[in-house]
Amino acid sequence: MSQPRPSPEQQPSNQRQIPSIEAIGPVVDEVIDIARQKLKHPIKVRLWTWEDREFKVRVKHWYPAGANNRYGYEAIVQYHSDREVVEGFFAERDTETDDLEVLLETEFGRLPDPVEKMRE
């Protein structure tokens, strides 16, 4: 019977599976800089990290639905370490059903993944 795996906080920093903010910070900063140039303000930043050392950063600006309209719009700049591409999206969101339809996609460039992947 194997022992339970320690949580990432309990592991030595060189054995953590979730990427550290120190490692991914420069890419996160670069994506935010691109979003500041491309999106209206204010912007919202979300960051996801996974135990396989992948991460995603999404920056968006929300255009709310009008008084007589149920559709709002999202302008998004996003990076996922697995694809190493900074992407842009413009999407329409139905505020009644929460359905999202991407209307426009573009690529803003490539950034190498700064995190060394686990060897199996």
N, C-alpha and C. Protein backbone atom coordinates (compact mmCIF):
# COMPACT_ATOMS: atom_id res chain seq x y z
N MET A 1 0.84 -1.18 0.00
CA MET A 1 0.00 0.00 0.00
C MET A 1 0.89 1.24 0.00
N SER A 2 0.64 2.13 -0.94
CA SER A 2 1.47 3.32 -1.04
C SER A 2 0.94 4.40 -0.10
N GLN A 3 1.86 5.27 0.30
CA GLN A 3 1.48 6.37 1.18
C GLN A 3 0.82 7.47 0.37
N PRO A 4 -0.11 8.21 1.00
CA PRO A 4 -0.73 9.31 0.26
C PRO A 4 0.30 10.35 -0.13
N ARG A 5 0.07 10.95 -1.26
CA ARG A 5 0.96 11.99 -1.77
C ARG A 5 0.77 13.26 -0.97
N PRO A 6 1.83 13.94 -0.58
CA PRO A 6 1.67 15.20 0.16
C PRO A 6 1.06 16.27 -0.74
N SER A 7 0.36 17.20 -0.13
CA SER A 7 -0.22 18.31 -0.90
C SER A 7 0.92 19.15 -1.48
N PRO A 8 0.64 19.95 -2.52
CA PRO A 8 1.70 20.77 -3.11
C PRO A 8 2.38 21.68 -2.09
N GLU A 9 1.62 22.19 -1.12
CA GLU A 9 2.21 23.06 -0.11
C GLU A 9 3.22 22.32 0.76
N GLN A 10 3.04 21.00 0.92
CA GLN A 10 3.91 20.20 1.77
C GLN A 10 5.13 19.67 1.00
N GLN A 11 5.10 19.72 -0.29
CA GLN A 11 6.21 19.22 -1.09
C GLN A 11 7.32 20.26 -1.15
N PRO A 12 8.57 19.80 -1.24
CA PRO A 12 9.65 20.76 -1.50
C PRO A 12 9.38 21.50 -2.80
N SER A 13 9.80 22.73 -2.88
CA SER A 13 9.47 23.56 -4.05
C SER A 13 9.92 22.95 -5.37
N ASN A 14 11.00 22.16 -5.36
CA ASN A 14 11.47 21.56 -6.62
C ASN A 14 10.66 20.33 -7.01
N GLN A 15 9.72 19.89 -6.18
CA GLN A 15 8.88 18.73 -6.50
C GLN A 15 7.42 19.09 -6.71
N ARG A 16 7.07 20.35 -6.60
CA ARG A 16 5.68 20.76 -6.78
C ARG A 16 5.22 20.48 -8.19
N GLN A 17 4.00 20.05 -8.29
CA GLN A 17 3.43 19.79 -9.60
C GLN A 17 2.66 20.98 -10.15
N ILE A 18 2.09 21.78 -9.27
CA ILE A 18 1.39 22.98 -9.71
C ILE A 18 2.44 24.05 -9.95
N PRO A 19 2.40 24.74 -11.09
CA PRO A 19 3.45 25.72 -11.37
C PRO A 19 3.44 26.87 -10.36
N SER A 20 4.61 27.32 -9.99
CA SER A 20 4.72 28.43 -9.05
C SER A 20 4.48 29.75 -9.77
N ILE A 21 4.02 30.73 -9.03
CA ILE A 21 3.80 32.05 -9.61
C ILE A 21 5.11 32.67 -10.06
N GLU A 22 6.20 32.31 -9.38
CA GLU A 22 7.51 32.81 -9.79
C GLU A 22 7.86 32.33 -11.20
N ALA A 23 7.51 31.10 -11.51
CA ALA A 23 7.82 30.54 -12.83
C ALA A 23 6.93 31.12 -13.92
N ILE A 24 5.65 31.26 -13.63
CA ILE A 24 4.71 31.69 -14.68
C ILE A 24 4.47 33.19 -14.70
N GLY A 25 4.94 33.90 -13.68
CA GLY A 25 4.70 35.34 -13.57
C GLY A 25 5.05 36.15 -14.80
N PRO A 26 6.23 35.94 -15.41
CA PRO A 26 6.56 36.74 -16.60
C PRO A 26 5.58 36.54 -17.76
N VAL A 27 5.09 35.32 -17.95
CA VAL A 27 4.11 35.09 -19.02
C VAL A 27 2.78 35.73 -18.66
N VAL A 28 2.36 35.60 -17.40
CA VAL A 28 1.12 36.23 -16.96
C VAL A 28 1.21 37.74 -17.17
N ASP A 29 2.32 38.35 -16.78
CA ASP A 29 2.51 39.79 -16.97
C ASP A 29 2.44 40.18 -18.45
N GLU A 30 3.06 39.38 -19.31
CA GLU A 30 3.05 39.67 -20.74
C GLU A 30 1.63 39.60 -21.31
N VAL A 31 0.86 38.60 -20.90
CA VAL A 31 -0.53 38.47 -21.38
C VAL A 31 -1.35 39.67 -20.90
N ILE A 32 -1.16 40.08 -19.65
CA ILE A 32 -1.87 41.25 -19.13
C ILE A 32 -1.47 42.51 -19.91
N ASP A 33 -0.19 42.65 -20.23
CA ASP A 33 0.26 43.81 -21.02
C ASP A 33 -0.40 43.83 -22.40
N ILE A 34 -0.48 42.67 -23.04
CA ILE A 34 -1.15 42.59 -24.35
C ILE A 34 -2.61 42.98 -24.20
N ALA A 35 -3.27 42.46 -23.16
CA ALA A 35 -4.69 42.77 -22.94
C ALA A 35 -4.90 44.26 -22.68
N ARG A 36 -4.00 44.88 -21.95
CA ARG A 36 -4.13 46.32 -21.69
C ARG A 36 -4.08 47.13 -22.98
N GLN A 37 -3.33 46.64 -23.97
CA GLN A 37 -3.24 47.32 -25.26
C GLN A 37 -4.46 47.04 -26.13
N LYS A 38 -5.03 45.84 -26.02
CA LYS A 38 -6.08 45.41 -26.94
C LYS A 38 -7.50 45.61 -26.41
N LEU A 39 -7.69 45.61 -25.10
CA LEU A 39 -9.03 45.64 -24.52
C LEU A 39 -9.35 46.99 -23.90
N LYS A 40 -10.64 47.30 -23.87
CA LYS A 40 -11.09 48.47 -23.11
C LYS A 40 -10.97 48.14 -21.64
N HIS A 41 -11.06 49.17 -20.82
CA HIS A 41 -10.93 48.98 -19.37
C HIS A 41 -12.29 49.21 -18.72
N PRO A 42 -12.58 48.62 -17.59
CA PRO A 42 -11.71 47.81 -16.74
C PRO A 42 -11.57 46.39 -17.28
N ILE A 43 -10.53 45.72 -16.83
CA ILE A 43 -10.30 44.33 -17.22
C ILE A 43 -10.33 43.45 -15.97
N LYS A 44 -10.62 42.18 -16.20
CA LYS A 44 -10.64 41.17 -15.14
C LYS A 44 -9.64 40.09 -15.53
N VAL A 45 -8.82 39.66 -14.57
CA VAL A 45 -7.80 38.64 -14.83
C VAL A 45 -8.13 37.40 -14.01
N ARG A 46 -8.11 36.24 -14.67
CA ARG A 46 -8.28 34.96 -13.99
C ARG A 46 -7.11 34.06 -14.35
N LEU A 47 -6.69 33.27 -13.39
CA LEU A 47 -5.55 32.38 -13.57
C LEU A 47 -5.93 30.98 -13.09
N TRP A 48 -5.67 29.99 -13.92
CA TRP A 48 -5.88 28.59 -13.56
C TRP A 48 -4.54 27.89 -13.57
N THR A 49 -4.33 26.99 -12.63
CA THR A 49 -3.15 26.13 -12.63
C THR A 49 -3.61 24.70 -12.39
N TRP A 50 -2.88 23.76 -12.98
CA TRP A 50 -3.22 22.35 -12.84
C TRP A 50 -2.01 21.57 -12.35
N GLU A 51 -2.28 20.40 -11.82
CA GLU A 51 -1.22 19.58 -11.25
C GLU A 51 -0.27 18.99 -12.29
N ASP A 52 -0.61 19.06 -13.55
CA ASP A 52 0.31 18.60 -14.60
C ASP A 52 1.25 19.72 -15.06
N ARG A 53 1.28 20.80 -14.29
CA ARG A 53 2.13 21.97 -14.51
C ARG A 53 1.66 22.87 -15.66
N GLU A 54 0.48 22.63 -16.16
CA GLU A 54 -0.08 23.54 -17.16
C GLU A 54 -0.77 24.69 -16.44
N PHE A 55 -0.94 25.80 -17.17
CA PHE A 55 -1.66 26.93 -16.62
C PHE A 55 -2.33 27.71 -17.73
N LYS A 56 -3.32 28.50 -17.34
CA LYS A 56 -4.04 29.34 -18.29
C LYS A 56 -4.27 30.69 -17.63
N VAL A 57 -4.10 31.74 -18.39
CA VAL A 57 -4.44 33.09 -17.93
C VAL A 57 -5.44 33.68 -18.91
N ARG A 58 -6.50 34.27 -18.37
CA ARG A 58 -7.53 34.89 -19.21
C ARG A 58 -7.78 36.30 -18.68
N VAL A 59 -7.76 37.24 -19.61
CA VAL A 59 -8.05 38.64 -19.29
C VAL A 59 -9.25 39.03 -20.14
N LYS A 60 -10.25 39.65 -19.52
CA LYS A 60 -11.43 40.00 -20.31
C LYS A 60 -12.02 41.34 -19.91
N HIS A 61 -12.74 41.90 -20.85
CA HIS A 61 -13.55 43.09 -20.62
C HIS A 61 -14.98 42.71 -20.99
N TRP A 62 -15.91 43.04 -20.12
CA TRP A 62 -17.32 42.70 -20.31
C TRP A 62 -18.10 43.93 -20.76
N TYR A 63 -18.85 43.76 -21.86
CA TYR A 63 -19.76 44.80 -22.34
C TYR A 63 -21.16 44.34 -21.94
N PRO A 64 -21.77 44.94 -20.92
CA PRO A 64 -23.05 44.43 -20.42
C PRO A 64 -24.18 44.59 -21.43
N ALA A 65 -25.21 43.75 -21.23
CA ALA A 65 -26.40 43.83 -22.07
C ALA A 65 -27.12 45.14 -21.80
N GLY A 66 -27.76 45.66 -22.82
CA GLY A 66 -28.52 46.89 -22.67
C GLY A 66 -29.87 46.63 -22.03
N ALA A 67 -30.62 47.68 -21.79
CA ALA A 67 -31.92 47.58 -21.13
C ALA A 67 -32.90 46.71 -21.92
N ASN A 68 -32.86 46.79 -23.24
CA ASN A 68 -33.80 46.04 -24.08
C ASN A 68 -33.11 44.90 -24.82
N ASN A 69 -31.99 44.43 -24.31
CA ASN A 69 -31.21 43.41 -25.01
C ASN A 69 -30.68 42.42 -23.99
N ARG A 70 -30.81 41.14 -24.26
CA ARG A 70 -30.33 40.12 -23.32
C ARG A 70 -28.91 39.68 -23.62
N TYR A 71 -28.28 40.24 -24.66
CA TYR A 71 -26.93 39.80 -25.05
C TYR A 71 -25.88 40.81 -24.61
N GLY A 72 -24.87 40.30 -23.93
CA GLY A 72 -23.69 41.08 -23.59
C GLY A 72 -22.51 40.53 -24.38
N TYR A 73 -21.40 41.22 -24.31
CA TYR A 73 -20.24 40.81 -25.11
C TYR A 73 -18.99 40.76 -24.25
N GLU A 74 -18.12 39.82 -24.57
CA GLU A 74 -16.85 39.66 -23.87
C GLU A 74 -15.72 39.78 -24.87
N ALA A 75 -14.76 40.63 -24.56
CA ALA A 75 -13.52 40.70 -25.32
C ALA A 75 -12.47 40.02 -24.44
N ILE A 76 -11.79 39.02 -24.98
CA ILE A 76 -10.93 38.14 -24.18
C ILE A 76 -9.54 38.03 -24.80
N VAL A 77 -8.52 38.10 -23.96
CA VAL A 77 -7.15 37.74 -24.34
C VAL A 77 -6.78 36.58 -23.43
N GLN A 78 -6.29 35.48 -24.04
CA GLN A 78 -6.08 34.26 -23.28
C GLN A 78 -4.80 33.55 -23.72
N TYR A 79 -4.16 32.90 -22.75
CA TYR A 79 -2.96 32.08 -23.01
C TYR A 79 -3.11 30.78 -22.25
N HIS A 80 -2.84 29.67 -22.93
CA HIS A 80 -2.79 28.35 -22.29
C HIS A 80 -1.40 27.78 -22.58
N SER A 81 -0.73 27.35 -21.51
CA SER A 81 0.66 26.90 -21.66
C SER A 81 0.81 25.69 -22.58
N ASP A 82 -0.24 24.90 -22.71
CA ASP A 82 -0.17 23.73 -23.58
C ASP A 82 -0.06 24.13 -25.06
N ARG A 83 -0.67 25.25 -25.43
CA ARG A 83 -0.65 25.70 -26.83
C ARG A 83 0.40 26.77 -27.09
N GLU A 84 0.82 27.48 -26.03
CA GLU A 84 1.85 28.52 -26.11
C GLU A 84 1.47 29.64 -27.08
N VAL A 85 0.17 29.94 -27.18
CA VAL A 85 -0.33 30.97 -28.08
C VAL A 85 -1.17 31.96 -27.28
N VAL A 86 -0.97 33.26 -27.52
CA VAL A 86 -1.83 34.29 -26.95
C VAL A 86 -2.95 34.52 -27.97
N GLU A 87 -4.16 34.23 -27.54
CA GLU A 87 -5.31 34.29 -28.44
C GLU A 87 -6.25 35.41 -28.01
N GLY A 88 -6.99 35.93 -28.97
CA GLY A 88 -8.01 36.92 -28.69
C GLY A 88 -9.35 36.41 -29.19
N PHE A 89 -10.41 36.70 -28.42
CA PHE A 89 -11.76 36.29 -28.78
C PHE A 89 -12.71 37.45 -28.53
N PHE A 90 -13.72 37.53 -29.37
CA PHE A 90 -14.85 38.42 -29.11
C PHE A 90 -16.07 37.52 -29.14
N ALA A 91 -16.82 37.51 -28.05
CA ALA A 91 -17.91 36.54 -27.91
C ALA A 91 -19.18 37.24 -27.43
N GLU A 92 -20.31 36.66 -27.83
CA GLU A 92 -21.61 37.13 -27.41
C GLU A 92 -22.15 36.18 -26.34
N ARG A 93 -22.60 36.74 -25.20
CA ARG A 93 -23.14 35.91 -24.12
C ARG A 93 -24.61 36.25 -23.91
N ASP A 94 -25.42 35.20 -23.95
CA ASP A 94 -26.85 35.33 -23.65
C ASP A 94 -26.99 35.40 -22.13
N THR A 95 -27.42 36.52 -21.61
CA THR A 95 -27.48 36.70 -20.16
C THR A 95 -28.63 35.92 -19.53
N GLU A 96 -29.54 35.39 -20.33
CA GLU A 96 -30.63 34.57 -19.77
C GLU A 96 -30.25 33.10 -19.69
N THR A 97 -29.53 32.60 -20.69
CA THR A 97 -29.17 31.17 -20.71
C THR A 97 -27.70 30.93 -20.39
N ASP A 98 -26.90 31.97 -20.37
CA ASP A 98 -25.45 31.92 -20.16
C ASP A 98 -24.70 31.25 -21.32
N ASP A 99 -25.38 31.05 -22.45
CA ASP A 99 -24.71 30.51 -23.64
C ASP A 99 -23.71 31.52 -24.17
N LEU A 100 -22.60 31.01 -24.67
CA LEU A 100 -21.53 31.86 -25.20
C LEU A 100 -21.25 31.45 -26.64
N GLU A 101 -21.23 32.41 -27.54
CA GLU A 101 -20.90 32.15 -28.94
C GLU A 101 -19.72 33.03 -29.33
N VAL A 102 -18.64 32.39 -29.78
CA VAL A 102 -17.46 33.13 -30.23
C VAL A 102 -17.75 33.69 -31.61
N LEU A 103 -17.61 34.99 -31.76
CA LEU A 103 -17.88 35.67 -33.02
C LEU A 103 -16.62 35.93 -33.82
N LEU A 104 -15.49 36.09 -33.12
CA LEU A 104 -14.23 36.43 -33.78
C LEU A 104 -13.07 35.84 -32.98
N GLU A 105 -12.10 35.28 -33.66
CA GLU A 105 -10.89 34.76 -33.03
C GLU A 105 -9.67 35.33 -33.74
N THR A 106 -8.63 35.59 -32.99
CA THR A 106 -7.38 36.07 -33.57
C THR A 106 -6.21 35.59 -32.72
N GLU A 107 -5.02 35.66 -33.28
CA GLU A 107 -3.81 35.27 -32.55
C GLU A 107 -2.93 36.50 -32.39
N PHE A 108 -2.44 36.72 -31.16
CA PHE A 108 -1.59 37.87 -30.88
C PHE A 108 -0.11 37.51 -30.78
N GLY A 109 0.21 36.25 -30.86
CA GLY A 109 1.61 35.86 -30.80
C GLY A 109 1.80 34.59 -29.98
N ARG A 110 3.08 34.21 -29.88
CA ARG A 110 3.42 32.99 -29.16
C ARG A 110 4.35 33.33 -28.00
N LEU A 111 4.15 32.62 -26.89
CA LEU A 111 5.03 32.74 -25.74
C LEU A 111 5.40 31.34 -25.30
N PRO A 112 6.69 31.06 -25.13
CA PRO A 112 7.07 29.71 -24.70
C PRO A 112 6.61 29.45 -23.27
N ASP A 113 6.25 28.20 -23.01
CA ASP A 113 5.85 27.78 -21.68
C ASP A 113 7.09 27.82 -20.77
N PRO A 114 7.05 28.58 -19.68
CA PRO A 114 8.23 28.72 -18.82
C PRO A 114 8.40 27.57 -17.83
N VAL A 115 7.46 26.64 -17.79
CA VAL A 115 7.47 25.58 -16.78
C VAL A 115 7.97 24.28 -17.39
N GLU A 116 8.96 23.69 -16.74
CA GLU A 116 9.45 22.39 -17.18
C GLU A 116 8.39 21.34 -16.83
N LYS A 117 8.00 20.55 -17.82
CA LYS A 117 6.97 19.54 -17.61
C LYS A 117 7.54 18.34 -16.88
N MET A 118 6.65 17.64 -16.21
CA MET A 118 7.05 16.44 -15.47
C MET A 118 7.46 15.33 -16.43
N ARG A 119 8.43 14.58 -16.03
CA ARG A 119 8.83 13.40 -16.80
C ARG A 119 8.18 12.19 -16.17
N GLU A 120 7.54 11.38 -16.99
CA GLU A 120 6.86 10.21 -16.45
C GLU A 120 7.69 8.98 -16.57
